[in-house]
């Protein structure tokens, strides 16, 4: 159970990181 929760958190973190990176790239390209 513990492993599943950790994996779930990591997946959310990676998804959030990718989303933020895409947003930053967009801002950098438009700026």
N, C-alpha and C. Protein backbone atom coordinates (compact mmCIF):
# COMPACT_ATOMS: atom_id res chain seq x y z
N UNK A 1 0.84 -1.20 0.00
CA UNK A 1 0.00 0.00 0.00
C UNK A 1 0.88 1.26 0.00
N UNK A 2 1.91 1.23 0.81
CA UNK A 2 2.79 2.39 0.90
C UNK A 2 3.44 2.69 -0.45
N UNK A 3 3.87 1.63 -1.13
CA UNK A 3 4.54 1.79 -2.42
C UNK A 3 3.59 2.42 -3.44
N UNK A 4 2.33 1.98 -3.43
CA UNK A 4 1.35 2.52 -4.37
C UNK A 4 1.15 4.01 -4.16
N UNK A 5 1.09 4.43 -2.91
CA UNK A 5 0.89 5.85 -2.61
C UNK A 5 2.09 6.66 -3.08
N UNK A 6 3.29 6.15 -2.84
CA UNK A 6 4.50 6.86 -3.26
C UNK A 6 4.52 6.99 -4.78
N UNK A 7 4.20 5.90 -5.48
CA UNK A 7 4.19 5.90 -6.94
C UNK A 7 3.17 6.92 -7.47
N UNK A 8 2.00 6.98 -6.81
CA UNK A 8 0.94 7.90 -7.20
C UNK A 8 1.40 9.34 -7.04
N UNK A 9 2.08 9.62 -5.92
CA UNK A 9 2.58 10.98 -5.67
C UNK A 9 3.64 11.35 -6.70
N UNK A 10 4.52 10.40 -7.02
CA UNK A 10 5.56 10.66 -8.01
C UNK A 10 4.94 10.96 -9.37
N UNK A 11 3.92 10.21 -9.74
CA UNK A 11 3.26 10.43 -11.02
C UNK A 11 2.66 11.82 -11.09
N UNK A 12 2.00 12.25 -10.01
CA UNK A 12 1.40 13.58 -9.97
C UNK A 12 2.49 14.65 -10.06
N UNK A 13 3.60 14.41 -9.33
CA UNK A 13 4.71 15.37 -9.32
C UNK A 13 5.30 15.52 -10.72
N UNK A 14 5.50 14.38 -11.41
CA UNK A 14 6.05 14.42 -12.77
C UNK A 14 5.09 15.14 -13.71
N UNK A 15 3.80 14.85 -13.58
CA UNK A 15 2.80 15.49 -14.43
C UNK A 15 2.80 17.00 -14.21
N UNK A 16 2.87 17.41 -12.93
CA UNK A 16 2.89 18.84 -12.57
C UNK A 16 4.15 19.49 -13.11
N UNK A 17 5.27 18.78 -13.01
CA UNK A 17 6.55 19.32 -13.49
C UNK A 17 6.49 19.54 -15.00
N UNK A 18 5.94 18.56 -15.72
CA UNK A 18 5.84 18.67 -17.18
C UNK A 18 4.94 19.84 -17.56
N UNK A 19 3.83 19.99 -16.83
CA UNK A 19 2.89 21.07 -17.09
C UNK A 19 3.56 22.42 -16.87
N UNK A 20 4.31 22.54 -15.77
CA UNK A 20 4.99 23.79 -15.46
C UNK A 20 6.07 24.07 -16.50
N UNK A 21 6.81 23.04 -16.91
CA UNK A 21 7.87 23.21 -17.90
C UNK A 21 7.28 23.70 -19.22
N UNK A 22 6.15 23.15 -19.62
CA UNK A 22 5.50 23.56 -20.86
C UNK A 22 5.06 25.01 -20.77
N UNK A 23 4.54 25.41 -19.61
CA UNK A 23 4.09 26.78 -19.42
C UNK A 23 5.27 27.74 -19.49
N UNK A 24 6.36 27.37 -18.83
CA UNK A 24 7.56 28.21 -18.84
C UNK A 24 8.12 28.34 -20.25
N UNK A 25 8.12 27.25 -21.00
CA UNK A 25 8.62 27.27 -22.37
C UNK A 25 7.77 28.21 -23.22
N UNK A 26 6.45 28.15 -23.02
CA UNK A 26 5.53 29.00 -23.76
C UNK A 26 5.83 30.47 -23.46
N UNK A 27 6.00 30.79 -22.16
CA UNK A 27 6.29 32.17 -21.75
C UNK A 27 7.63 32.63 -22.33
N UNK A 28 8.61 31.74 -22.32
CA UNK A 28 9.94 32.07 -22.83
C UNK A 28 9.90 32.35 -24.34
N UNK A 29 9.10 31.55 -25.05
CA UNK A 29 9.01 31.72 -26.50
C UNK A 29 8.27 33.00 -26.87
N UNK A 30 7.25 33.35 -26.09
CA UNK A 30 6.45 34.54 -26.40
C UNK A 30 7.11 35.81 -25.93
N UNK A 31 7.98 35.71 -24.90
CA UNK A 31 8.61 36.89 -24.33
C UNK A 31 9.69 37.46 -25.26
